[in-house]
Amino acid sequence: MCDTTEKIWDEMIKAITERMPYQLLPLIEEVFKKNYPIGTTVKLLATEHIVPQVEKNHSGSRTILSDITILVGDKDIYHLECQMTNDNEMILRMYEYDFHIALSHGRIISEDGSITLQFPHSVVMYPGTNKKIPDELSCNVIMPDNSTHTFKVPTIKVQNYSLDDIRK
């Protein structure tokens, strides 16, 4: 059930986004409190990335495929994932997706040559009724200098919204 249902949700969300990407702006406003004026450009970005294979005894590359990545107003990047159930690995996949999205679309090179990676604003949407979905997913990242950075991704529990809420 889950695999088929998840594929249907993925295909539905992608179809809506391809045909009417501006329909995601109310979701962005709800999650990130960012309001864009009518007519703001919304552009779909590539969601497929070729990355090195990281499993033991394997060399080469593999493909990762995130659900939806958009550029709003020529500067703000958003990444949306749709999941039927929560698992402990989701935050790791989000970190991997967001890192590669930042490499592809969020690389900022200043005049002095320093590089900044701007991660996208990300959210995981859960259309199912699983009660164990947290309000956000998080993972601590410990850097070589022992500084700790917490990577957080908010979640949306679609079942918590009525049709009237969604129509607004």
Protein backbone atom coordinates (compact mmCIF):
# COMPACT_ATOMS: atom_id res chain seq x y z
CA MET A 1 0.00 0.00 0.00
CA CYS A 2 2.59 2.53 1.07
CA ASP A 3 4.79 2.23 -2.02
CA THR A 4 1.87 2.66 -4.46
CA THR A 5 0.20 5.40 -2.41
CA GLU A 6 3.50 7.26 -2.07
CA LYS A 7 4.08 7.08 -5.84
CA ILE A 8 0.59 8.45 -6.47
CA TRP A 9 1.18 11.37 -4.07
CA ASP A 10 4.59 12.08 -5.64
CA GLU A 11 3.14 12.05 -9.15
CA MET A 12 0.18 14.22 -8.15
CA ILE A 13 2.30 16.85 -6.39
CA LYS A 14 4.79 16.94 -9.27
CA ALA A 15 2.00 17.24 -11.88
CA ILE A 16 0.40 20.16 -10.03
CA THR A 17 3.77 21.83 -9.62
CA GLU A 18 4.73 21.40 -13.28
CA ARG A 19 1.44 22.86 -14.51
CA MET A 20 0.86 25.52 -11.84
CA PRO A 21 4.00 26.10 -9.74
CA TYR A 22 2.57 29.32 -8.30
CA GLN A 23 0.05 27.11 -6.42
CA LEU A 24 2.86 26.36 -3.96
CA LEU A 25 3.09 29.98 -2.80
CA PRO A 26 0.31 29.67 -0.15
CA LEU A 27 2.12 26.62 1.27
CA ILE A 28 5.36 28.60 1.41
CA GLU A 29 3.55 31.43 3.17
CA GLU A 30 2.04 28.98 5.69
CA VAL A 31 5.30 27.19 6.50
CA PHE A 32 7.94 29.90 6.14
CA LYS A 33 5.84 33.05 6.72
CA LYS A 34 7.17 34.45 3.43
CA ASN A 35 4.64 36.29 1.28
CA TYR A 36 5.23 36.93 -2.41
CA PRO A 37 3.27 39.41 -4.53
CA ILE A 38 0.97 38.18 -7.30
CA GLY A 39 2.98 37.59 -10.45
CA THR A 40 6.17 36.50 -8.68
CA THR A 41 8.06 34.07 -10.91
CA VAL A 42 8.18 30.44 -9.83
CA LYS A 43 10.61 28.20 -11.70
CA LEU A 44 11.04 24.45 -11.34
CA LEU A 45 14.63 23.36 -10.73
CA ALA A 46 16.31 20.03 -11.42
CA THR A 47 15.64 17.41 -8.76
CA GLU A 48 18.03 14.73 -10.00
CA HIS A 49 21.64 14.71 -8.81
CA ILE A 50 24.46 12.30 -9.59
CA VAL A 51 26.45 11.72 -6.40
CA PRO A 52 29.33 9.46 -5.33
CA GLN A 53 28.44 6.01 -4.09
CA VAL A 54 29.00 5.92 -0.32
CA GLU A 55 28.36 2.28 0.52
CA LYS A 56 31.26 0.04 1.46
CA ASN A 57 32.77 -2.06 -1.34
CA HIS A 58 31.08 0.04 -4.03
CA SER A 59 32.66 2.66 -6.21
CA GLY A 60 31.15 4.87 -8.84
CA SER A 61 28.10 7.02 -8.61
CA ARG A 62 24.38 6.87 -7.92
CA THR A 63 21.40 9.07 -8.60
CA ILE A 64 19.34 10.79 -5.93
CA LEU A 65 15.95 12.22 -6.83
CA SER A 66 14.17 14.71 -4.61
CA ASP A 67 10.49 15.55 -5.09
CA ILE A 68 10.18 19.27 -5.82
CA THR A 69 12.67 22.12 -5.95
CA ILE A 70 11.60 25.59 -7.02
CA LEU A 71 13.13 29.01 -7.38
CA VAL A 72 10.81 31.84 -6.33
CA GLY A 73 11.45 35.42 -7.37
CA ASP A 74 14.87 34.58 -8.85
CA LYS A 75 16.48 34.24 -5.41
CA ASP A 76 14.64 32.00 -2.91
CA ILE A 77 15.01 28.24 -3.24
CA TYR A 78 12.45 25.85 -1.76
CA HIS A 79 12.58 22.07 -1.48
CA LEU A 80 9.44 20.05 -0.77
CA GLU A 81 9.26 16.35 -0.05
CA CYS A 82 6.12 14.27 0.32
CA GLN A 83 6.28 11.21 2.61
CA MET A 84 3.58 8.79 3.68
CA THR A 85 5.31 7.67 6.88
CA ASN A 86 8.05 8.98 9.10
CA ASP A 87 11.32 7.13 9.43
CA ASN A 88 14.55 7.99 11.21
CA GLU A 89 16.43 8.26 7.91
CA MET A 90 14.26 11.03 6.41
CA ILE A 91 16.29 13.83 7.98
CA LEU A 92 19.48 12.31 6.53
CA ARG A 93 17.92 12.18 3.04
CA MET A 94 16.80 15.79 3.44
CA TYR A 95 20.33 16.84 4.41
CA GLU A 96 21.75 15.01 1.40
CA TYR A 97 19.16 16.47 -0.98
CA ASP A 98 19.58 19.98 0.41
CA PHE A 99 23.37 19.79 0.24
CA HIS A 100 23.23 18.89 -3.44
CA ILE A 101 20.55 21.50 -4.14
CA ALA A 102 22.84 24.08 -2.48
CA LEU A 103 25.79 22.95 -4.59
CA SER A 104 23.74 23.21 -7.79
CA HIS A 105 21.61 26.28 -7.11
CA GLY A 106 22.74 27.99 -3.89
CA ARG A 107 26.43 28.59 -4.49
CA ILE A 108 27.38 32.19 -3.85
CA ILE A 109 30.88 33.38 -4.71
CA SER A 110 31.83 36.75 -3.26
CA GLU A 111 34.21 39.27 -4.83
CA ASP A 112 37.07 38.05 -2.62
CA GLY A 113 36.53 34.48 -3.91
CA SER A 114 35.00 33.05 -0.73
CA ILE A 115 32.17 30.61 -1.26
CA THR A 116 28.87 30.41 0.61
CA LEU A 117 26.43 27.53 0.22
CA GLN A 118 22.86 28.62 0.76
CA PHE A 119 20.66 25.66 1.62
CA PRO A 120 17.06 25.74 0.39
CA HIS A 121 14.07 26.32 2.64
CA SER A 122 12.77 22.78 3.03
CA VAL A 123 9.65 21.07 4.29
CA VAL A 124 8.42 17.48 4.47
CA MET A 125 4.69 17.02 3.87
CA TYR A 126 2.94 14.01 5.37
CA PRO A 127 -0.50 13.39 3.80
CA GLY A 128 -1.16 10.28 5.91
CA THR A 129 -2.67 10.06 9.37
CA ASN A 130 0.40 8.79 11.21
CA LYS A 131 0.25 10.32 14.70
CA LYS A 132 4.01 9.98 15.24
CA ILE A 133 5.00 12.81 12.93
CA PRO A 134 7.07 15.43 14.78
CA ASP A 135 6.66 19.16 14.11
CA GLU A 136 10.17 19.20 12.71
CA LEU A 137 12.93 16.78 11.82
CA SER A 138 16.41 17.56 13.08
CA CYS A 139 19.97 16.30 12.97
CA ASN A 140 23.06 17.64 14.73
CA VAL A 141 26.09 18.07 12.49
CA ILE A 142 29.43 18.23 14.26
CA MET A 143 32.09 20.05 12.27
CA PRO A 144 35.86 19.38 12.48
CA ASP A 145 36.29 22.39 14.78
CA ASN A 146 33.79 20.71 17.16
CA SER A 147 31.12 23.32 16.49
CA THR A 148 27.66 21.79 16.31
CA HIS A 149 25.05 22.94 13.83
CA THR A 150 21.49 21.67 14.00
CA PHE A 151 19.88 21.00 10.63
CA LYS A 152 16.11 21.38 11.02
CA VAL A 153 13.28 20.76 8.57
CA PRO A 154 9.67 21.59 9.44
CA THR A 155 6.91 19.11 8.70
CA ILE A 156 3.37 19.62 7.48
CA LYS A 157 0.72 17.14 8.57
CA VAL A 158 -1.78 17.53 5.74
CA GLN A 159 -4.52 15.79 7.72
CA ASN A 160 -4.44 18.67 10.25
CA TYR A 161 -5.83 21.04 7.61
CA SER A 162 -9.47 21.20 6.60
CA LEU A 163 -10.49 21.79 2.98
CA ASP A 164 -11.42 25.34 3.97
CA ASP A 165 -7.90 25.88 5.34
CA ILE A 166 -6.39 24.56 2.11
CA ARG A 167 -8.66 26.69 -0.11
CA LYS A 168 -7.61 29.96 1.59
